[in-house]
Protein backbone atom coordinates (compact mmCIF):
# COMPACT_ATOMS: atom_id res chain seq x y z
CA MET A 1 129.05 59.23 29.10
CA THR A 2 126.14 58.51 26.79
CA GLN A 3 124.10 55.46 27.74
CA THR A 4 124.91 52.56 25.41
CA PHE A 5 122.21 50.07 26.40
CA GLN A 6 120.43 48.67 23.38
CA GLU A 7 117.09 46.93 23.71
CA PRO A 8 117.30 43.38 22.31
CA GLU A 9 115.01 42.39 19.47
CA ALA A 10 111.55 41.17 20.40
CA SER A 11 111.11 37.43 20.22
CA PRO A 12 108.13 36.23 18.15
CA ALA A 13 107.42 33.75 20.93
CA LEU A 14 106.42 36.48 23.38
CA LEU A 15 102.69 36.61 23.98
CA LEU A 16 100.34 38.90 25.86
CA LEU A 17 100.06 37.19 29.22
CA GLY A 18 97.62 37.32 32.08
CA ARG A 19 94.38 38.24 30.36
CA ARG A 20 92.49 34.95 30.06
CA THR A 21 92.41 31.37 31.26
CA ASP A 22 95.77 29.61 31.28
CA PRO A 23 94.68 25.99 30.58
CA MET A 24 98.28 24.69 30.70
CA SER A 25 98.93 26.10 34.17
CA GLU A 26 99.33 23.56 36.96
CA ARG A 27 96.97 25.71 38.98
CA GLY A 28 94.45 26.04 36.13
CA VAL A 29 93.34 29.49 37.20
CA ASP A 30 90.93 31.82 35.46
CA CYS A 31 92.21 35.37 35.53
CA PRO A 32 89.52 37.82 36.66
CA GLY A 33 87.30 39.14 33.91
CA ASP A 34 87.07 42.67 35.26
CA LEU A 35 90.72 43.64 34.92
CA PRO A 36 91.28 47.24 33.90
CA GLU A 37 92.37 47.63 30.31
CA PRO A 38 96.14 48.13 29.87
CA SER A 39 95.32 51.21 27.81
CA ASP A 40 93.48 52.86 30.71
CA PRO A 41 95.31 56.21 31.12
CA ASP A 42 94.31 56.39 34.78
CA LEU A 43 95.99 53.16 35.90
CA VAL A 44 98.88 54.85 37.70
CA GLU A 45 96.58 57.23 39.52
CA ARG A 46 94.17 54.41 40.41
CA ALA A 47 97.01 52.35 41.87
CA ARG A 48 98.27 55.34 43.84
CA GLU A 49 94.82 56.15 45.23
CA ALA A 50 94.11 52.56 46.24
CA LYS A 51 97.47 52.17 47.92
CA ASN A 52 97.02 55.44 49.80
CA ALA A 53 93.53 54.38 50.90
CA LEU A 54 94.93 51.14 52.34
CA GLY A 55 97.82 52.89 54.08
CA ASN A 56 99.84 50.69 56.44
CA ARG A 57 97.36 47.85 55.99
CA VAL A 58 99.13 46.88 52.76
CA PHE A 59 102.79 46.07 52.10
CA ILE A 60 103.82 45.60 48.46
CA LEU A 61 106.82 43.44 47.58
CA GLY A 62 108.45 43.73 44.15
CA HIS A 63 110.89 41.12 42.86
CA HIS A 64 113.89 42.41 40.89
CA TYR A 65 112.57 40.80 37.71
CA GLN A 66 109.24 42.59 37.90
CA ARG A 67 108.09 45.21 35.41
CA ASP A 68 108.99 48.86 36.09
CA GLU A 69 105.31 49.81 36.00
CA VAL A 70 104.79 47.56 39.04
CA ILE A 71 108.12 48.20 40.79
CA GLN A 72 107.24 51.88 41.15
CA PHE A 73 104.58 50.90 43.71
CA ALA A 74 106.70 48.41 45.66
CA ASP A 75 107.55 49.27 49.26
CA VAL A 76 110.64 47.05 49.01
CA THR A 77 112.43 45.28 46.18
CA GLY A 78 114.72 42.28 46.31
CA ASP A 79 115.15 38.60 45.57
CA SER A 80 112.63 36.00 46.69
CA PHE A 81 114.00 35.16 50.15
CA LYS A 82 114.80 38.76 51.07
CA LEU A 83 111.25 39.76 50.22
CA ALA A 84 109.73 36.93 52.25
CA ARG A 85 111.80 38.00 55.26
CA ASP A 86 110.84 41.64 54.69
CA ALA A 87 107.20 40.58 54.82
CA ALA A 88 107.77 38.71 58.09
CA ALA A 89 109.32 41.87 59.53
CA ARG A 90 106.08 43.82 58.94
CA PRO A 91 103.57 42.13 61.27
CA GLU A 92 101.39 45.25 61.27
CA ALA A 93 100.62 44.83 57.56
CA GLU A 94 97.28 43.09 57.10
CA PHE A 95 97.86 42.44 53.40
CA ILE A 96 101.13 41.34 51.77
CA VAL A 97 100.87 41.85 48.02
CA PHE A 98 103.68 39.82 46.47
CA CYS A 99 104.58 40.95 42.97
CA GLY A 100 106.60 37.88 42.10
CA VAL A 101 105.67 34.26 41.43
CA HIS A 102 103.79 31.52 43.24
CA PHE A 103 106.60 29.86 45.20
CA MET A 104 107.72 33.26 46.51
CA ALA A 105 104.25 34.00 47.86
CA GLU A 106 104.19 30.54 49.47
CA SER A 107 107.46 31.32 51.28
CA ALA A 108 106.01 34.61 52.49
CA ASP A 109 102.93 32.80 53.82
CA ILE A 110 105.17 30.34 55.69
CA LEU A 111 107.20 33.13 57.30
CA THR A 112 104.35 35.54 58.13
CA SER A 113 101.64 35.23 60.76
CA ASP A 114 98.21 33.67 60.27
CA ASP A 115 96.69 37.13 60.65
CA GLN A 116 98.37 38.35 57.48
CA ALA A 117 97.01 37.58 54.01
CA VAL A 118 99.61 36.98 51.32
CA ILE A 119 98.22 37.85 47.90
CA LEU A 120 99.52 37.05 44.41
CA PRO A 121 97.96 39.47 41.88
CA ASP A 122 97.83 36.75 39.20
CA MET A 123 97.57 33.14 40.36
CA ALA A 124 99.01 31.91 37.05
CA ALA A 125 102.30 33.70 37.79
CA GLY A 126 104.26 30.54 38.42
CA CYS A 127 107.86 29.47 38.02
CA SER A 128 108.73 26.93 35.34
CA MET A 129 111.78 25.80 37.33
CA ALA A 130 109.78 25.21 40.50
CA ASP A 131 107.15 23.30 38.54
CA MET A 132 109.83 20.97 37.12
CA ALA A 133 110.00 19.24 40.51
CA GLY A 134 106.54 18.04 41.50
CA ILE A 135 106.15 16.54 44.95
CA ASN A 136 104.92 13.20 43.58
CA GLN A 137 107.96 13.00 41.31
CA VAL A 138 110.31 13.75 44.19
CA GLU A 139 108.65 11.23 46.51
CA ASP A 140 108.94 8.61 43.76
CA ALA A 141 112.62 9.46 43.19
CA TRP A 142 113.32 9.11 46.92
CA ALA A 143 111.62 5.72 46.97
CA GLN A 144 113.82 4.57 44.09
CA LEU A 145 116.94 5.83 45.88
CA ASP A 146 115.82 3.88 48.92
CA GLU A 147 115.35 0.72 46.84
CA VAL A 148 118.97 0.86 45.63
CA GLY A 149 120.25 1.57 49.15
CA ILE A 150 121.23 5.21 48.62
CA ALA A 151 118.56 7.29 50.38
CA ALA A 152 119.99 6.63 53.87
CA ARG A 153 123.21 8.44 52.96
CA THR A 154 121.64 11.20 50.87
CA VAL A 155 120.67 14.66 52.11
CA PRO A 156 118.10 16.60 50.06
CA VAL A 157 118.75 20.29 49.49
CA THR A 158 116.27 22.44 47.62
CA TYR A 159 116.82 25.83 46.09
CA MET A 160 114.54 28.59 47.34
CA ASN A 161 112.95 28.48 43.87
CA SER A 162 110.82 25.45 44.71
CA THR A 163 107.31 24.78 45.93
CA ALA A 164 106.39 24.68 49.60
CA ALA A 165 105.77 20.95 49.21
CA ILE A 166 109.39 20.37 48.13
CA LYS A 167 110.68 22.49 51.00
CA ALA A 168 108.52 20.40 53.33
CA PHE A 169 109.98 17.21 51.81
CA CYS A 170 113.46 18.44 52.70
CA GLY A 171 112.26 19.25 56.20
CA ARG A 172 110.96 15.69 56.64
CA HIS A 173 114.12 14.05 55.32
CA GLY A 174 116.81 15.97 57.18
CA GLY A 175 117.52 18.47 54.42
CA ALA A 176 117.52 22.22 54.03
CA VAL A 177 116.74 25.11 51.71
CA CYS A 178 119.40 27.28 50.08
CA THR A 179 119.61 30.48 48.08
CA SER A 180 121.98 31.27 45.22
CA SER A 181 124.08 33.23 47.73
CA ASN A 182 124.54 30.45 50.30
CA ALA A 183 124.37 27.32 48.13
CA GLU A 184 128.02 26.53 48.92
CA VAL A 185 127.44 26.75 52.68
CA ALA A 186 124.28 24.63 52.40
CA LEU A 187 126.00 21.93 50.34
CA ARG A 188 128.94 21.76 52.76
CA TRP A 189 126.46 21.44 55.64
CA ALA A 190 124.64 18.65 53.82
CA PHE A 191 127.83 16.71 53.13
CA GLU A 192 128.93 17.03 56.76
CA ARG A 193 125.76 15.17 57.73
CA VAL A 194 126.89 12.17 55.65
CA GLY A 195 130.63 12.08 56.30
CA GLY A 196 131.98 15.17 54.62
CA VAL A 197 132.77 16.20 51.07
CA ASP A 198 135.48 13.51 50.86
CA GLY A 199 133.21 10.73 52.10
CA ASP A 200 130.70 8.58 50.22
CA GLY A 201 127.53 10.48 51.16
CA LYS A 202 125.42 12.27 48.59
CA VAL A 203 123.30 15.35 48.09
CA LEU A 204 120.07 15.39 46.10
CA PHE A 205 119.93 18.95 44.78
CA MET A 206 116.62 20.33 43.48
CA PRO A 207 115.28 21.71 41.24
CA ASP A 208 117.99 23.67 39.36
CA GLN A 209 120.72 21.42 38.03
CA HIS A 210 122.94 24.33 36.97
CA LEU A 211 123.17 26.01 40.39
CA GLY A 212 123.90 22.61 41.95
CA ARG A 213 126.56 21.70 39.40
CA ASN A 214 128.25 25.11 39.45
CA THR A 215 128.37 25.11 43.25
CA ALA A 216 129.69 21.55 43.55
CA VAL A 217 132.40 21.94 40.91
CA LEU A 218 133.50 25.56 41.34
CA HIS A 219 133.23 25.84 45.14
CA LEU A 220 133.42 22.35 46.63
CA GLY A 221 136.13 21.01 44.35
CA LEU A 222 134.10 18.10 43.01
CA GLY A 223 134.42 17.05 39.39
CA LEU A 224 131.80 17.13 36.67
CA ASN A 225 131.85 13.34 36.76
CA ASP A 226 130.81 13.47 40.42
CA CYS A 227 127.51 15.02 39.35
CA ILE A 228 124.73 13.12 37.61
CA VAL A 229 121.30 14.30 36.47
CA TRP A 230 118.06 12.74 37.68
CA ASP A 231 115.37 12.77 34.98
CA PRO A 232 112.05 12.16 36.78
CA ARG A 233 110.53 10.71 33.59
CA LYS A 234 112.94 7.76 33.55
CA PRO A 235 113.51 4.79 35.90
CA LEU A 236 116.33 5.61 38.35
CA GLY A 237 116.36 9.06 36.78
CA GLY A 238 117.98 7.61 33.67
CA ASN A 239 120.96 6.25 35.62
CA THR A 240 122.26 2.80 36.53
CA PRO A 241 122.57 1.69 40.17
CA GLY A 242 126.33 1.84 39.76
CA GLU A 243 126.25 5.42 38.49
CA LEU A 244 124.06 6.45 41.41
CA ALA A 245 126.37 4.70 43.88
CA ALA A 246 129.41 6.51 42.48
CA ALA A 247 127.83 9.96 42.26
CA ARG A 248 128.30 12.61 44.93
CA VAL A 249 125.65 15.08 43.77
CA ILE A 250 122.37 13.99 42.20
CA LEU A 251 121.05 16.95 40.24
CA TRP A 252 117.34 17.21 39.53
CA LYS A 253 116.69 17.82 35.84
CA GLY A 254 115.40 21.37 36.18
CA HIS A 255 116.52 24.77 34.99
CA CYS A 256 115.56 28.43 34.77
CA SER A 257 113.91 29.23 31.45
CA VAL A 258 115.57 32.66 31.48
CA HIS A 259 119.11 31.89 32.60
CA GLY A 260 119.18 28.70 30.56
CA ARG A 261 118.93 30.77 27.38
CA PHE A 262 122.33 32.41 27.70
CA ARG A 263 125.04 30.75 25.62
CA LYS A 264 128.81 30.85 25.44
CA ASP A 265 128.34 32.29 21.94
CA ASN A 266 126.75 35.35 23.59
CA VAL A 267 129.78 35.79 25.82
CA ASP A 268 132.21 35.39 22.91
CA ALA A 269 130.27 37.84 20.73
CA LEU A 270 130.27 40.55 23.40
CA ARG A 271 133.98 40.09 24.09
CA ALA A 272 134.67 40.44 20.37
CA SER A 273 132.59 43.60 19.97
CA VAL A 274 133.24 45.46 23.24
CA PRO A 275 136.88 45.87 24.36
CA ALA A 276 137.63 45.14 28.03
CA ILE A 277 134.05 44.18 28.80
CA ASN A 278 133.27 42.52 32.15
CA ILE A 279 130.86 39.58 31.96
CA VAL A 280 128.76 38.90 35.06
CA VAL A 281 126.17 36.11 35.13
CA HIS A 282 123.82 34.39 37.53
CA PRO A 283 124.82 30.89 38.78
CA GLU A 284 121.61 29.47 37.29
CA CYS A 285 123.34 29.77 33.90
CA THR A 286 124.89 26.69 32.34
CA HIS A 287 128.35 25.58 33.45
CA GLU A 288 129.79 26.57 30.09
CA VAL A 289 128.48 30.13 30.43
CA VAL A 290 129.52 30.44 34.08
CA THR A 291 133.08 29.32 33.36
CA SER A 292 133.26 31.78 30.45
CA ALA A 293 132.23 34.75 32.61
CA ASP A 294 134.43 37.05 34.69
CA TYR A 295 132.06 37.22 37.65
CA VAL A 296 129.28 34.94 38.90
CA GLY A 297 126.77 35.72 41.60
CA SER A 298 123.21 36.17 42.78
CA THR A 299 120.89 38.94 41.71
CA GLU A 300 121.99 41.05 44.68
CA TYR A 301 125.64 40.39 43.78
CA ILE A 302 125.06 41.61 40.22
CA ILE A 303 123.39 44.79 41.47
CA LYS A 304 126.26 45.52 43.87
CA ALA A 305 128.84 44.78 41.17
CA LEU A 306 127.35 47.48 38.96
CA GLU A 307 127.11 49.92 41.86
CA ALA A 308 130.81 49.44 42.64
CA ALA A 309 131.99 49.46 39.02
CA GLU A 310 134.26 52.20 37.69
CA PRO A 311 132.62 54.91 35.58
CA GLY A 312 133.19 54.18 31.93
CA SER A 313 133.54 50.43 32.46
CA ALA A 314 131.66 48.03 30.21
CA TRP A 315 129.46 45.21 31.51
CA GLY A 316 127.68 42.31 29.87
CA ILE A 317 124.98 40.99 32.20
CA GLY A 318 123.43 37.53 32.07
CA THR A 319 120.18 37.75 33.97
CA GLU A 320 116.56 38.79 33.43
CA LEU A 321 115.98 41.72 31.07
CA ASN A 322 113.81 43.89 33.35
CA LEU A 323 116.64 44.01 35.88
CA VAL A 324 119.34 44.60 33.26
CA ARG A 325 117.37 47.49 31.76
CA ARG A 326 116.85 48.95 35.24
CA LEU A 327 120.58 48.70 35.98
CA ALA A 328 121.39 50.41 32.67
CA ASN A 329 119.08 53.29 33.53
CA ALA A 330 120.52 53.56 37.05
CA HIS A 331 124.14 53.67 35.78
CA PRO A 332 124.28 55.94 32.71
CA ASP A 333 128.02 56.44 33.34
CA LYS A 334 128.68 52.76 32.52
CA GLN A 335 128.22 50.69 29.39
CA VAL A 336 125.60 48.06 30.12
CA HIS A 337 124.92 45.28 27.61
CA PHE A 338 122.38 42.49 27.78
CA LEU A 339 124.04 39.12 27.26
CA GLU A 340 121.29 37.66 25.08
CA ASP A 341 120.51 38.86 21.55
CA THR A 342 116.72 38.66 21.90
CA VAL A 343 114.22 39.64 24.57
CA CYS A 344 114.58 37.41 27.63
CA PHE A 345 111.92 38.21 30.23
CA CYS A 346 110.67 35.91 32.96
CA SER A 347 107.35 35.44 31.17
CA THR A 348 105.43 34.10 34.17
CA MET A 349 106.62 36.91 36.44
CA ASN A 350 105.53 39.34 33.74
CA ARG A 351 101.96 38.13 34.09
CA ILE A 352 101.77 40.56 37.00
CA ASP A 353 101.27 43.88 35.29
CA LEU A 354 99.76 47.20 36.31
CA PRO A 355 96.15 46.14 35.56
CA HIS A 356 96.53 43.13 37.88
CA LEU A 357 98.04 45.28 40.62
CA VAL A 358 95.28 47.89 40.31
CA TRP A 359 92.60 45.18 40.39
CA THR A 360 94.20 43.66 43.50
CA LEU A 361 94.49 46.93 45.41
CA GLU A 362 91.02 48.13 44.49
CA SER A 363 89.58 44.75 45.53
CA LEU A 364 91.23 45.15 48.95
CA VAL A 365 89.83 48.67 49.29
CA ALA A 366 86.37 47.24 48.53
CA GLY A 367 86.77 44.65 51.30
CA ASN A 368 87.56 41.65 49.10
CA VAL A 369 90.75 39.58 49.46
CA PRO A 370 91.61 38.12 46.05
CA HIS A 371 94.09 35.37 45.21
CA ARG A 372 95.22 34.64 48.75
CA ILE A 373 98.08 32.13 48.99
CA VAL A 374 97.56 29.70 51.85
CA VAL A 375 100.00 26.90 52.67
CA ASP A 376 98.44 24.19 54.82
CA LYS A 377 99.67 23.86 58.40
CA THR A 378 101.52 20.56 58.03
CA THR A 379 103.39 21.75 54.94
CA GLN A 380 104.16 25.05 56.66
CA GLU A 381 105.63 23.32 59.70
CA GLN A 382 107.78 20.91 57.71
CA ALA A 383 108.94 23.58 55.24
CA ARG A 384 109.78 25.87 58.13
CA ILE A 385 112.11 23.18 59.51
CA ALA A 386 114.09 23.22 56.25
CA LEU A 387 114.08 27.04 56.16
CA ASP A 388 115.20 27.24 59.81
CA ARG A 389 118.08 24.87 59.05
CA MET A 390 119.18 27.28 56.34
CA LEU A 391 118.88 30.25 58.69
CA ALA A 392 121.02 28.41 61.25
CA LEU A 393 123.87 27.90 58.77
CA PRO A 394 127.05 29.96 59.15
CA ALA A 395 126.92 33.21 57.25
CA ALA A 396 128.05 32.79 53.66
CA GLU A 397 131.34 34.35 52.67
CA PRO A 398 130.98 37.35 50.37
CA GLU A 399 130.30 36.03 46.90
CA LYS A 400 133.53 35.52 45.03
CA ASP A 401 134.43 36.50 41.50
């Protein structure tokens, strides 16, 4: 069957990223001035030579949303938590080059040994969702919950897509970390600590409101009215004491800038134009999109769904474009359609391009360690508590349709 994947139209908002200072970045980092030019015809060969020169001293991780030009040099690919665990399983690697975003590299630093250097090729490769929950905002929110008598029966749960400081907060306050695959198990665990799903305890879910809402409503049987949103810019998150007392899940006002772009209109348009199409989306999408889809699951779930799909079947996929394009190329016997109608990259992840990777590897060959991610000891220890609680949870059931 002829491949049917059509590249969406370029958005005028897309900019060339990663070449200069990013003054709006929370980290305020200057990108190095001696990056190779993107037009350098020898970039692939330079990357190959530098990686070969480093040998087993370097281990390159490539997130699923990364560019193909970078993925080709990754030793392993996967989602953020899988990659952090893969790094921890390679203690012989002196350098862990994480082609992802800042919070992912932090998690790798927490899980690897002090003898290993975790490196992010571009320090301005952040995550807008993770940055929507600053530690000072979360500490202030917790203090307000305590003032209205709610904190004592609230368990904080943070999505893996959060800073090390937020993971450490959960470690200090009896909470845990979750992934998109085990969010249901983590929420059930949290509720059991405060009397069960049918009790009057609460969960503070950070930083992605959509994953929290979709999990609570579709998997725990709670209603939309049981979930309220905490806006950190407003007193009591924009809620009354009564609303907070009645709520079961307090959702931080955060979202993924990629998955938040998909709309029910996109689903309806694909169903109208492609007969018998299967719609599969990530649970970071809005509740309206998730309930309009045929299948919902993590990045790994989406990949496996395409692998298991019947030849000739049609699929509309609601996740980051680099991965959707890669799936289309890997499955030419299936019709693969991108759910959005314009380009929808993770722009911060895309800051890591081939010039940044070449610069990083050649710096290591020269004896320099650039852009090392170091999480302080106290934060590491407290974040590790929350991560260990997640690891101790019962294995999640296979993700359901």
